[in-house]
Amino acid sequence: MTITQAFVLGIIQGITEFLPISSSAHLVIVPYLLGWHFPADQVFPFDVLVQIGTLVAVILYFWADLWHILTIWVKDMLARTPFAHFESRLGWLLLLSTLPGGIGGILLKDAVESAFLRPDVTAFFLFGTALFLFTAERYGRRNRTLADLNWKDALWIGVAQVLALFPGISRSGATIAGGMTRHLERPAAGRYAFLMAIPIMLAAGGASLWDLRHVNNLEEFLPVMAVGFSTAAVVGYLSIHWLLRFISRHTLLIFAFYCIFAGGITLGIYF
């Protein structure tokens, strides 16, 4: 992998991580369509590490929210009233939403890694993302806010995040759709989806850093990863800002149609 390729993939990751069109799918499909062939031991670590770049973006964007949730959560814990305030309850719900993804990441690790090498499988999963978005728009009543969330909602959205471990199933798409099928307003579902991504992305990033010990010529690969990481962070920050404004005024159907188009084009070329 070259510096230029890492830069291009960093831009793609930054744009597509938060848009509900699956960043992992694009990190599989774009190199395939461009005829880029990377060593197998580099593909999964690079893909996860550029996701850490977008993790930095979401932490910076929601820093004020995260700090507020954390401080209120700690105060309520020290006062032995762990659910006294909305922010504390939200913190617990975010942790609960993370559990299914963490368990799924451990149990499905090998299957997920192998899927990153299959453009055809990834294309089919893009159709799954489109189905989630259509379902959310069709059946979601969009009359609840974050203050209305309960533990059943948190688990439901967490299960949706398990599916997003596979390339082609958008993490933001699946979790926003999960929130909307529990009748959250679009902006509330988007905000919760971004916040709940932080713990699972931290875990995935830590696992990827551990896997780097298996990468051949690691010293030569580090500058490439640094370019992908920093590019994804900058572009990701801008993407969050744009998407939150977009979904407050528009439906998600345009992204569903895009997933169908991208999946169809990929399958057409593949077969």
C-alpha atoms as a PDB file:
ATOM      1  CA  MET A   1       0.000   0.000   0.000  1.00  0.00           C
ATOM      2  CA  THR A   2       1.354   3.405  -0.981  1.00  0.00           C
ATOM      3  CA  ILE A   3       1.001   6.790   0.710  1.00  0.00           C
ATOM      4  CA  THR A   4      -1.323   7.961  -2.077  1.00  0.00           C
ATOM      5  CA  GLN A   5      -3.548   4.908  -1.694  1.00  0.00           C
ATOM      6  CA  ALA A   6      -3.684   5.438   2.070  1.00  0.00           C
ATOM      7  CA  PHE A   7      -4.658   9.096   1.529  1.00  0.00           C
ATOM      8  CA  VAL A   8      -7.478   8.153  -0.846  1.00  0.00           C
ATOM      9  CA  LEU A   9      -8.770   5.445   1.481  1.00  0.00           C
ATOM     10  CA  GLY A  10      -8.553   7.864   4.424  1.00  0.00           C
ATOM     11  CA  ILE A  11     -10.816  10.312   2.581  1.00  0.00           C
ATOM     12  CA  ILE A  12     -13.234   7.507   1.749  1.00  0.00           C
ATOM     13  CA  GLN A  13     -13.254   6.321   5.363  1.00  0.00           C
ATOM     14  CA  GLY A  14     -13.845   9.831   6.682  1.00  0.00           C
ATOM     15  CA  ILE A  15     -16.783  10.419   4.360  1.00  0.00           C
ATOM     16  CA  THR A  16     -18.444   7.020   4.620  1.00  0.00           C
ATOM     17  CA  GLU A  17     -17.962   6.136   8.312  1.00  0.00           C
ATOM     18  CA  PHE A  18     -20.746   8.445   9.429  1.00  0.00           C
ATOM     19  CA  LEU A  19     -22.862   8.494   6.298  1.00  0.00           C
ATOM     20  CA  PRO A  20     -25.104   5.388   6.340  1.00  0.00           C
ATOM     21  CA  ILE A  21     -23.442   3.780   3.319  1.00  0.00           C
ATOM     22  CA  SER A  22     -20.849   1.557   5.058  1.00  0.00           C
ATOM     23  CA  SER A  23     -17.249   2.706   5.265  1.00  0.00           C
ATOM     24  CA  SER A  24     -16.024  -0.888   5.497  1.00  0.00           C
ATOM     25  CA  ALA A  25     -17.791  -1.739   2.230  1.00  0.00           C
ATOM     26  CA  HIS A  26     -16.045   1.119   0.454  1.00  0.00           C
ATOM     27  CA  LEU A  27     -12.661   0.106   1.886  1.00  0.00           C
ATOM     28  CA  VAL A  28     -13.232  -3.313   0.305  1.00  0.00           C
ATOM     29  CA  ILE A  29     -14.918  -2.269  -2.938  1.00  0.00           C
ATOM     30  CA  VAL A  30     -12.866   0.786  -3.969  1.00  0.00           C
ATOM     31  CA  PRO A  31      -9.488  -1.041  -3.976  1.00  0.00           C
ATOM     32  CA  TYR A  32     -11.165  -3.908  -5.841  1.00  0.00           C
ATOM     33  CA  LEU A  33     -12.581  -1.620  -8.527  1.00  0.00           C
ATOM     34  CA  LEU A  34      -9.266   0.244  -8.876  1.00  0.00           C
ATOM     35  CA  GLY A  35      -7.266  -2.971  -9.088  1.00  0.00           C
ATOM     36  CA  TRP A  36      -5.311  -2.291  -5.895  1.00  0.00           C
ATOM     37  CA  HIS A  37      -3.990  -5.471  -4.310  1.00  0.00           C
ATOM     38  CA  PHE A  38      -2.734  -5.310  -0.727  1.00  0.00           C
ATOM     39  CA  PRO A  39      -1.069  -7.959   1.444  1.00  0.00           C
ATOM     40  CA  ALA A  40      -3.737  -9.855   3.365  1.00  0.00           C
ATOM     41  CA  ASP A  41      -2.080  -9.133   6.726  1.00  0.00           C
ATOM     42  CA  GLN A  42      -2.327  -5.370   6.087  1.00  0.00           C
ATOM     43  CA  VAL A  43      -5.969  -5.098   5.003  1.00  0.00           C
ATOM     44  CA  PHE A  44      -7.863  -5.596   8.266  1.00  0.00           C
ATOM     45  CA  PRO A  45      -5.421  -3.660  10.538  1.00  0.00           C
ATOM     46  CA  PHE A  46      -5.408  -0.705   8.124  1.00  0.00           C
ATOM     47  CA  ASP A  47      -9.196  -0.672   7.835  1.00  0.00           C
ATOM     48  CA  VAL A  48      -9.637  -0.670  11.607  1.00  0.00           C
ATOM     49  CA  LEU A  49      -6.920   1.915  12.193  1.00  0.00           C
ATOM     50  CA  VAL A  50      -8.479   4.415   9.798  1.00  0.00           C
ATOM     51  CA  GLN A  51     -11.678   3.799  11.756  1.00  0.00           C
ATOM     52  CA  ILE A  52      -9.716   4.958  14.813  1.00  0.00           C
ATOM     53  CA  GLY A  53      -9.100   8.168  12.873  1.00  0.00           C
ATOM     54  CA  THR A  54     -12.842   8.678  12.590  1.00  0.00           C
ATOM     55  CA  LEU A  55     -13.144   7.721  16.262  1.00  0.00           C
ATOM     56  CA  VAL A  56     -10.920  10.691  17.073  1.00  0.00           C
ATOM     57  CA  ALA A  57     -13.230  12.823  14.927  1.00  0.00           C
ATOM     58  CA  VAL A  58     -16.384  11.770  16.793  1.00  0.00           C
ATOM     59  CA  ILE A  59     -14.719  12.268  20.200  1.00  0.00           C
ATOM     60  CA  LEU A  60     -13.628  15.778  19.244  1.00  0.00           C
ATOM     61  CA  TYR A  61     -17.022  16.651  17.766  1.00  0.00           C
ATOM     62  CA  PHE A  62     -18.997  15.449  20.793  1.00  0.00           C
ATOM     63  CA  TRP A  63     -16.381  16.352  23.399  1.00  0.00           C
ATOM     64  CA  ALA A  64     -18.675  18.714  25.322  1.00  0.00           C
ATOM     65  CA  ASP A  65     -21.460  16.120  25.399  1.00  0.00           C
ATOM     66  CA  LEU A  66     -19.098  13.341  26.469  1.00  0.00           C
ATOM     67  CA  TRP A  67     -17.569  15.427  29.253  1.00  0.00           C
ATOM     68  CA  HIS A  68     -20.996  16.448  30.534  1.00  0.00           C
ATOM     69  CA  ILE A  69     -22.249  12.850  30.538  1.00  0.00           C
ATOM     70  CA  LEU A  70     -19.090  11.618  32.266  1.00  0.00           C
ATOM     71  CA  THR A  71     -19.055  14.241  35.021  1.00  0.00           C
ATOM     72  CA  ILE A  72     -22.748  13.799  35.872  1.00  0.00           C
ATOM     73  CA  TRP A  73     -22.345  10.007  35.749  1.00  0.00           C
ATOM     74  CA  VAL A  74     -19.416  10.135  38.207  1.00  0.00           C
ATOM     75  CA  LYS A  75     -21.260  12.523  40.559  1.00  0.00           C
ATOM     76  CA  ASP A  76     -24.331  10.301  40.626  1.00  0.00           C
ATOM     77  CA  MET A  77     -22.197   7.213  41.215  1.00  0.00           C
ATOM     78  CA  LEU A  78     -20.446   8.885  44.141  1.00  0.00           C
ATOM     79  CA  ALA A  79     -23.820   9.972  45.523  1.00  0.00           C
ATOM     80  CA  ARG A  80     -25.069   6.379  45.120  1.00  0.00           C
ATOM     81  CA  THR A  81     -27.901   7.556  42.887  1.00  0.00           C
ATOM     82  CA  PRO A  82     -26.654   6.155  39.556  1.00  0.00           C
ATOM     83  CA  PHE A  83     -29.831   6.943  37.610  1.00  0.00           C
ATOM     84  CA  ALA A  84     -30.741  10.298  39.139  1.00  0.00           C
ATOM     85  CA  HIS A  85     -30.092  12.445  36.060  1.00  0.00           C
ATOM     86  CA  PHE A  86     -30.730  12.082  32.344  1.00  0.00           C
ATOM     87  CA  GLU A  87     -26.999  12.226  31.595  1.00  0.00           C
ATOM     88  CA  SER A  88     -26.276   9.328  33.959  1.00  0.00           C
ATOM     89  CA  ARG A  89     -29.047   7.222  32.480  1.00  0.00           C
ATOM     90  CA  LEU A  90     -27.775   8.007  28.992  1.00  0.00           C
ATOM     91  CA  GLY A  91     -24.260   6.926  29.986  1.00  0.00           C
ATOM     92  CA  TRP A  92     -25.546   3.574  31.258  1.00  0.00           C
ATOM     93  CA  LEU A  93     -27.647   3.074  28.145  1.00  0.00           C
ATOM     94  CA  LEU A  94     -24.643   3.762  25.907  1.00  0.00           C
ATOM     95  CA  LEU A  95     -22.645   1.134  27.791  1.00  0.00           C
ATOM     96  CA  LEU A  96     -25.527  -1.329  27.504  1.00  0.00           C
ATOM     97  CA  SER A  97     -25.740  -0.720  23.746  1.00  0.00           C
ATOM     98  CA  THR A  98     -22.053  -1.570  23.472  1.00  0.00           C
ATOM     99  CA  LEU A  99     -22.324  -5.049  25.004  1.00  0.00           C
ATOM    100  CA  PRO A 100     -23.816  -6.898  21.996  1.00  0.00           C
ATOM    101  CA  GLY A 101     -21.199  -5.438  19.667  1.00  0.00           C
ATOM    102  CA  GLY A 102     -18.351  -6.372  22.016  1.00  0.00           C
ATOM    103  CA  ILE A 103     -19.565  -9.952  22.359  1.00  0.00           C
ATOM    104  CA  GLY A 104     -20.212 -10.203  18.631  1.00  0.00           C
ATOM    105  CA  GLY A 105     -16.772  -8.824  17.825  1.00  0.00           C
ATOM    106  CA  ILE A 106     -15.141 -11.603  19.842  1.00  0.00           C
ATOM    107  CA  LEU A 107     -17.319 -14.432  18.537  1.00  0.00           C
ATOM    108  CA  LEU A 108     -17.392 -13.325  14.896  1.00  0.00           C
ATOM    109  CA  LYS A 109     -13.823 -12.025  14.501  1.00  0.00           C
ATOM    110  CA  ASP A 110     -12.673 -14.647  11.963  1.00  0.00           C
ATOM    111  CA  ALA A 111     -15.850 -14.423   9.884  1.00  0.00           C
ATOM    112  CA  VAL A 112     -15.639 -10.619   9.812  1.00  0.00           C
ATOM    113  CA  GLU A 113     -11.980 -10.617   8.770  1.00  0.00           C
ATOM    114  CA  SER A 114     -12.654 -13.074   5.936  1.00  0.00           C
ATOM    115  CA  ALA A 115     -15.576 -10.946   4.720  1.00  0.00           C
ATOM    116  CA  PHE A 116     -13.163  -8.015   4.252  1.00  0.00           C
ATOM    117  CA  LEU A 117     -11.556 -10.024   1.431  1.00  0.00           C
ATOM    118  CA  ARG A 118     -14.866 -10.698  -0.407  1.00  0.00           C
ATOM    119  CA  PRO A 119     -16.213  -7.837  -2.567  1.00  0.00           C
ATOM    120  CA  ASP A 120     -19.209  -9.961  -3.627  1.00  0.00           C
ATOM    121  CA  VAL A 121     -20.282 -10.641  -0.033  1.00  0.00           C
ATOM    122  CA  THR A 122     -19.753  -6.975   0.822  1.00  0.00           C
ATOM    123  CA  ALA A 123     -21.999  -5.930  -2.068  1.00  0.00           C
ATOM    124  CA  PHE A 124     -24.820  -8.162  -0.818  1.00  0.00           C
ATOM    125  CA  PHE A 125     -24.471  -6.646   2.658  1.00  0.00           C
ATOM    126  CA  LEU A 126     -24.931  -3.194   1.104  1.00  0.00           C
ATOM    127  CA  PHE A 127     -28.394  -4.332   0.057  1.00  0.00           C
ATOM    128  CA  GLY A 128     -28.968  -5.168   3.721  1.00  0.00           C
ATOM    129  CA  THR A 129     -28.086  -1.603   4.707  1.00  0.00           C
ATOM    130  CA  ALA A 130     -30.563  -0.296   2.148  1.00  0.00           C
ATOM    131  CA  LEU A 131     -33.261  -2.574   3.594  1.00  0.00           C
ATOM    132  CA  PHE A 132     -32.603  -1.258   7.132  1.00  0.00           C
ATOM    133  CA  LEU A 133     -32.922   2.346   5.947  1.00  0.00           C
ATOM    134  CA  PHE A 134     -36.130   1.681   4.004  1.00  0.00           C
ATOM    135  CA  THR A 135     -37.614  -0.107   7.040  1.00  0.00           C
ATOM    136  CA  ALA A 136     -36.681   2.737   9.407  1.00  0.00           C
ATOM    137  CA  GLU A 137     -38.260   5.353   7.176  1.00  0.00           C
ATOM    138  CA  ARG A 138     -41.382   3.257   6.565  1.00  0.00           C
ATOM    139  CA  TYR A 139     -42.152   2.127  10.107  1.00  0.00           C
ATOM    140  CA  GLY A 140     -40.457   4.651  12.399  1.00  0.00           C
ATOM    141  CA  ARG A 141     -42.911   7.147  13.883  1.00  0.00           C
ATOM    142  CA  ARG A 142     -40.094   9.570  14.879  1.00  0.00           C
ATOM    143  CA  ASN A 143     -41.906  10.917  17.955  1.00  0.00           C
ATOM    144  CA  ARG A 144     -39.395  10.128  20.738  1.00  0.00           C
ATOM    145  CA  THR A 145     -36.273  11.909  21.994  1.00  0.00           C
ATOM    146  CA  LEU A 146     -33.160  10.673  23.796  1.00  0.00           C
ATOM    147  CA  ALA A 147     -34.900  11.389  27.108  1.00  0.00           C
ATOM    148  CA  ASP A 148     -37.432   8.661  26.248  1.00  0.00           C
ATOM    149  CA  LEU A 149     -34.845   5.892  25.754  1.00  0.00           C
ATOM    150  CA  ASN A 150     -35.018   2.790  27.935  1.00  0.00           C
ATOM    151  CA  TRP A 151     -32.941  -0.369  28.312  1.00  0.00           C
ATOM    152  CA  LYS A 152     -34.949  -2.257  25.672  1.00  0.00           C
ATOM    153  CA  ASP A 153     -34.203   0.476  23.146  1.00  0.00           C
ATOM    154  CA  ALA A 154     -30.503   0.398  24.044  1.00  0.00           C
ATOM    155  CA  LEU A 155     -30.263  -3.376  23.572  1.00  0.00           C
ATOM    156  CA  TRP A 156     -32.161  -3.247  20.285  1.00  0.00           C
ATOM    157  CA  ILE A 157     -29.815  -0.608  18.879  1.00  0.00           C
ATOM    158  CA  GLY A 158     -26.841  -2.571  20.250  1.00  0.00           C
ATOM    159  CA  VAL A 159     -27.928  -5.695  18.372  1.00  0.00           C
ATOM    160  CA  ALA A 160     -28.118  -3.610  15.195  1.00  0.00           C
ATOM    161  CA  GLN A 161     -24.480  -2.651  15.767  1.00  0.00           C
ATOM    162  CA  VAL A 162     -23.490  -6.349  15.798  1.00  0.00           C
ATOM    163  CA  LEU A 163     -24.634  -6.660  12.186  1.00  0.00           C
ATOM    164  CA  ALA A 164     -22.471  -3.666  11.324  1.00  0.00           C
ATOM    165  CA  LEU A 165     -19.330  -5.649  12.118  1.00  0.00           C
ATOM    166  CA  PHE A 166     -19.563  -7.021   8.586  1.00  0.00           C
ATOM    167  CA  PRO A 167     -18.406  -4.872   5.647  1.00  0.00           C
ATOM    168  CA  GLY A 168     -21.410  -3.593   3.771  1.00  0.00           C
ATOM    169  CA  ILE A 169     -23.640  -3.170   6.819  1.00  0.00           C
ATOM    170  CA  SER A 170     -23.212   0.469   7.753  1.00  0.00           C
ATOM    171  CA  ARG A 171     -22.618   1.049  11.466  1.00  0.00           C
ATOM    172  CA  SER A 172     -24.306   4.445  11.401  1.00  0.00           C
ATOM    173  CA  GLY A 173     -27.008   3.152   9.068  1.00  0.00           C
ATOM    174  CA  ALA A 174     -27.828   0.104  11.193  1.00  0.00           C
ATOM    175  CA  THR A 175     -27.796   1.970  14.502  1.00  0.00           C
ATOM    176  CA  ILE A 176     -29.690   5.021  13.236  1.00  0.00           C
ATOM    177  CA  ALA A 177     -32.240   2.656  11.694  1.00  0.00           C
ATOM    178  CA  GLY A 178     -32.348   0.747  14.977  1.00  0.00           C
ATOM    179  CA  GLY A 179     -33.137   3.956  16.841  1.00  0.00           C
ATOM    180  CA  MET A 180     -35.735   5.023  14.302  1.00  0.00           C
ATOM    181  CA  THR A 181     -37.521   1.658  14.453  1.00  0.00           C
ATOM    182  CA  ARG A 182     -37.837   2.386  18.184  1.00  0.00           C
ATOM    183  CA  HIS A 183     -39.464   5.630  16.999  1.00  0.00           C
ATOM    184  CA  LEU A 184     -36.640   8.055  17.796  1.00  0.00           C
ATOM    185  CA  GLU A 185     -36.493  11.291  15.844  1.00  0.00           C
ATOM    186  CA  ARG A 186     -33.814  11.198  13.150  1.00  0.00           C
ATOM    187  CA  PRO A 187     -31.433  13.714  14.834  1.00  0.00           C
ATOM    188  CA  ALA A 188     -31.777  11.897  18.182  1.00  0.00           C
ATOM    189  CA  ALA A 189     -31.132   8.519  16.527  1.00  0.00           C
ATOM    190  CA  GLY A 190     -28.088   9.962  14.741  1.00  0.00           C
ATOM    191  CA  ARG A 191     -26.647  11.514  17.882  1.00  0.00           C
ATOM    192  CA  TYR A 192     -27.091   8.312  19.873  1.00  0.00           C
ATOM    193  CA  ALA A 193     -25.582   6.241  17.048  1.00  0.00           C
ATOM    194  CA  PHE A 194     -22.452   8.387  16.970  1.00  0.00           C
ATOM    195  CA  LEU A 195     -22.018   8.386  20.746  1.00  0.00           C
ATOM    196  CA  MET A 196     -22.476   4.610  21.059  1.00  0.00           C
ATOM    197  CA  ALA A 197     -19.894   4.026  18.327  1.00  0.00           C
ATOM    198  CA  ILE A 198     -17.113   5.304  20.586  1.00  0.00           C
ATOM    199  CA  PRO A 199     -16.712   2.304  22.953  1.00  0.00           C
ATOM    200  CA  ILE A 200     -16.911  -0.341  20.204  1.00  0.00           C
ATOM    201  CA  MET A 201     -14.495   1.576  17.984  1.00  0.00           C
ATOM    202  CA  LEU A 202     -12.076   1.878  20.891  1.00  0.00           C
ATOM    203  CA  ALA A 203     -12.251  -1.888  21.427  1.00  0.00           C
ATOM    204  CA  ALA A 204     -11.810  -2.651  17.738  1.00  0.00           C
ATOM    205  CA  GLY A 205      -8.887  -0.240  17.541  1.00  0.00           C
ATOM    206  CA  GLY A 206      -7.178  -1.865  20.510  1.00  0.00           C
ATOM    207  CA  ALA A 207      -7.577  -5.310  18.959  1.00  0.00           C
ATOM    208  CA  SER A 208      -6.189  -4.031  15.668  1.00  0.00           C
ATOM    209  CA  LEU A 209      -3.145  -2.519  17.370  1.00  0.00           C
ATOM    210  CA  TRP A 210      -2.476  -5.929  18.915  1.00  0.00           C
ATOM    211  CA  ASP A 211      -2.825  -7.587  15.487  1.00  0.00           C
ATOM    212  CA  LEU A 212      -0.144  -5.278  14.063  1.00  0.00           C
ATOM    213  CA  ARG A 213       2.496  -7.604  15.463  1.00  0.00           C
ATOM    214  CA  HIS A 214       1.640 -10.003  12.620  1.00  0.00           C
ATOM    215  CA  VAL A 215       2.174  -7.414   9.854  1.00  0.00           C
ATOM    216  CA  ASN A 216       5.294  -7.960   7.771  1.00  0.00           C
ATOM    217  CA  ASN A 217       7.626  -4.957   7.346  1.00  0.00           C
ATOM    218  CA  LEU A 218       5.723  -3.044  10.016  1.00  0.00           C
ATOM    219  CA  GLU A 219       8.219  -0.152  10.051  1.00  0.00           C
ATOM    220  CA  GLU A 220       7.515   0.559   6.381  1.00  0.00           C
ATOM    221  CA  PHE A 221       3.748   0.278   6.922  1.00  0.00           C
ATOM    222  CA  LEU A 222       3.536   2.775   9.820  1.00  0.00           C
ATOM    223  CA  PRO A 223       3.819   5.976   7.685  1.00  0.00           C
ATOM    224  CA  VAL A 224       1.092   4.636   5.410  1.00  0.00           C
ATOM    225  CA  MET A 225      -1.201   4.045   8.376  1.00  0.00           C
ATOM    226  CA  ALA A 226      -0.417   7.502   9.766  1.00  0.00           C
ATOM    227  CA  VAL A 227      -1.568   9.150   6.527  1.00  0.00           C
ATOM    228  CA  GLY A 228      -4.776   7.112   6.435  1.00  0.00           C
ATOM    229  CA  PHE A 229      -5.451   7.814  10.114  1.00  0.00           C
ATOM    230  CA  SER A 230      -4.994  11.589   9.976  1.00  0.00           C
ATOM    231  CA  THR A 231      -6.911  11.991   6.711  1.00  0.00           C
ATOM    232  CA  ALA A 232      -9.860   9.975   8.049  1.00  0.00           C
ATOM    233  CA  ALA A 233      -9.932  12.084  11.239  1.00  0.00           C
ATOM    234  CA  VAL A 234     -10.148  15.434   9.447  1.00  0.00           C
ATOM    235  CA  VAL A 235     -12.657  14.329   6.811  1.00  0.00           C
ATOM    236  CA  GLY A 236     -14.697  12.416   9.407  1.00  0.00           C
ATOM    237  CA  TYR A 237     -15.155  15.515  11.570  1.00  0.00           C
ATOM    238  CA  LEU A 238     -16.583  17.421   8.612  1.00  0.00           C
ATOM    239  CA  SER A 239     -18.825  14.487   7.685  1.00  0.00           C
ATOM    240  CA  ILE A 240     -20.421  14.346  11.150  1.00  0.00           C
ATOM    241  CA  HIS A 241     -21.293  18.032  10.996  1.00  0.00           C
ATOM    242  CA  TRP A 242     -22.822  17.683   7.544  1.00  0.00           C
ATOM    243  CA  LEU A 243     -24.837  14.524   8.272  1.00  0.00           C
ATOM    244  CA  LEU A 244     -26.417  15.800  11.492  1.00  0.00           C
ATOM    245  CA  ARG A 245     -27.641  18.869   9.637  1.00  0.00           C
ATOM    246  CA  PHE A 246     -28.832  16.776   6.687  1.00  0.00           C
ATOM    247  CA  ILE A 247     -30.904  14.250   8.638  1.00  0.00           C
ATOM    248  CA  SER A 248     -32.663  17.005  10.567  1.00  0.00           C
ATOM    249  CA  ARG A 249     -34.291  18.056   7.297  1.00  0.00           C
ATOM    250  CA  HIS A 250     -34.217  15.035   4.957  1.00  0.00           C
ATOM    251  CA  THR A 251     -34.985  11.313   4.871  1.00  0.00           C
ATOM    252  CA  LEU A 252     -32.382   8.549   4.686  1.00  0.00           C
ATOM    253  CA  LEU A 253     -33.777   7.131   1.442  1.00  0.00           C
ATOM    254  CA  ILE A 254     -31.110   8.748  -0.734  1.00  0.00           C
ATOM    255  CA  PHE A 255     -28.505   6.664   1.111  1.00  0.00           C
ATOM    256  CA  ALA A 256     -30.587   3.513   0.662  1.00  0.00           C
ATOM    257  CA  PHE A 257     -30.717   4.066  -3.095  1.00  0.00           C
ATOM    258  CA  TYR A 258     -26.974   4.719  -3.142  1.00  0.00           C
ATOM    259  CA  CYS A 259     -26.288   1.406  -1.334  1.00  0.00           C
ATOM    260  CA  ILE A 260     -28.405  -0.450  -3.893  1.00  0.00           C
ATOM    261  CA  PHE A 261     -26.554   1.276  -6.742  1.00  0.00           C
ATOM    262  CA  ALA A 262     -23.078   0.638  -5.281  1.00  0.00           C
ATOM    263  CA  GLY A 263     -23.879  -2.988  -4.481  1.00  0.00           C
ATOM    264  CA  GLY A 264     -25.342  -3.587  -7.934  1.00  0.00           C
ATOM    265  CA  ILE A 265     -22.377  -2.051  -9.750  1.00  0.00           C
ATOM    266  CA  THR A 266     -19.939  -4.111  -7.677  1.00  0.00           C
ATOM    267  CA  LEU A 267     -21.804  -7.363  -8.323  1.00  0.00           C
ATOM    268  CA  GLY A 268     -22.067  -6.571 -12.021  1.00  0.00           C
ATOM    269  CA  ILE A 269     -18.309  -6.097 -12.301  1.00  0.00           C
ATOM    270  CA  TYR A 270     -17.542  -9.063 -10.040  1.00  0.00           C
ATOM    271  CA  PHE A 271     -19.654 -11.544 -11.983  1.00  0.00           C
END
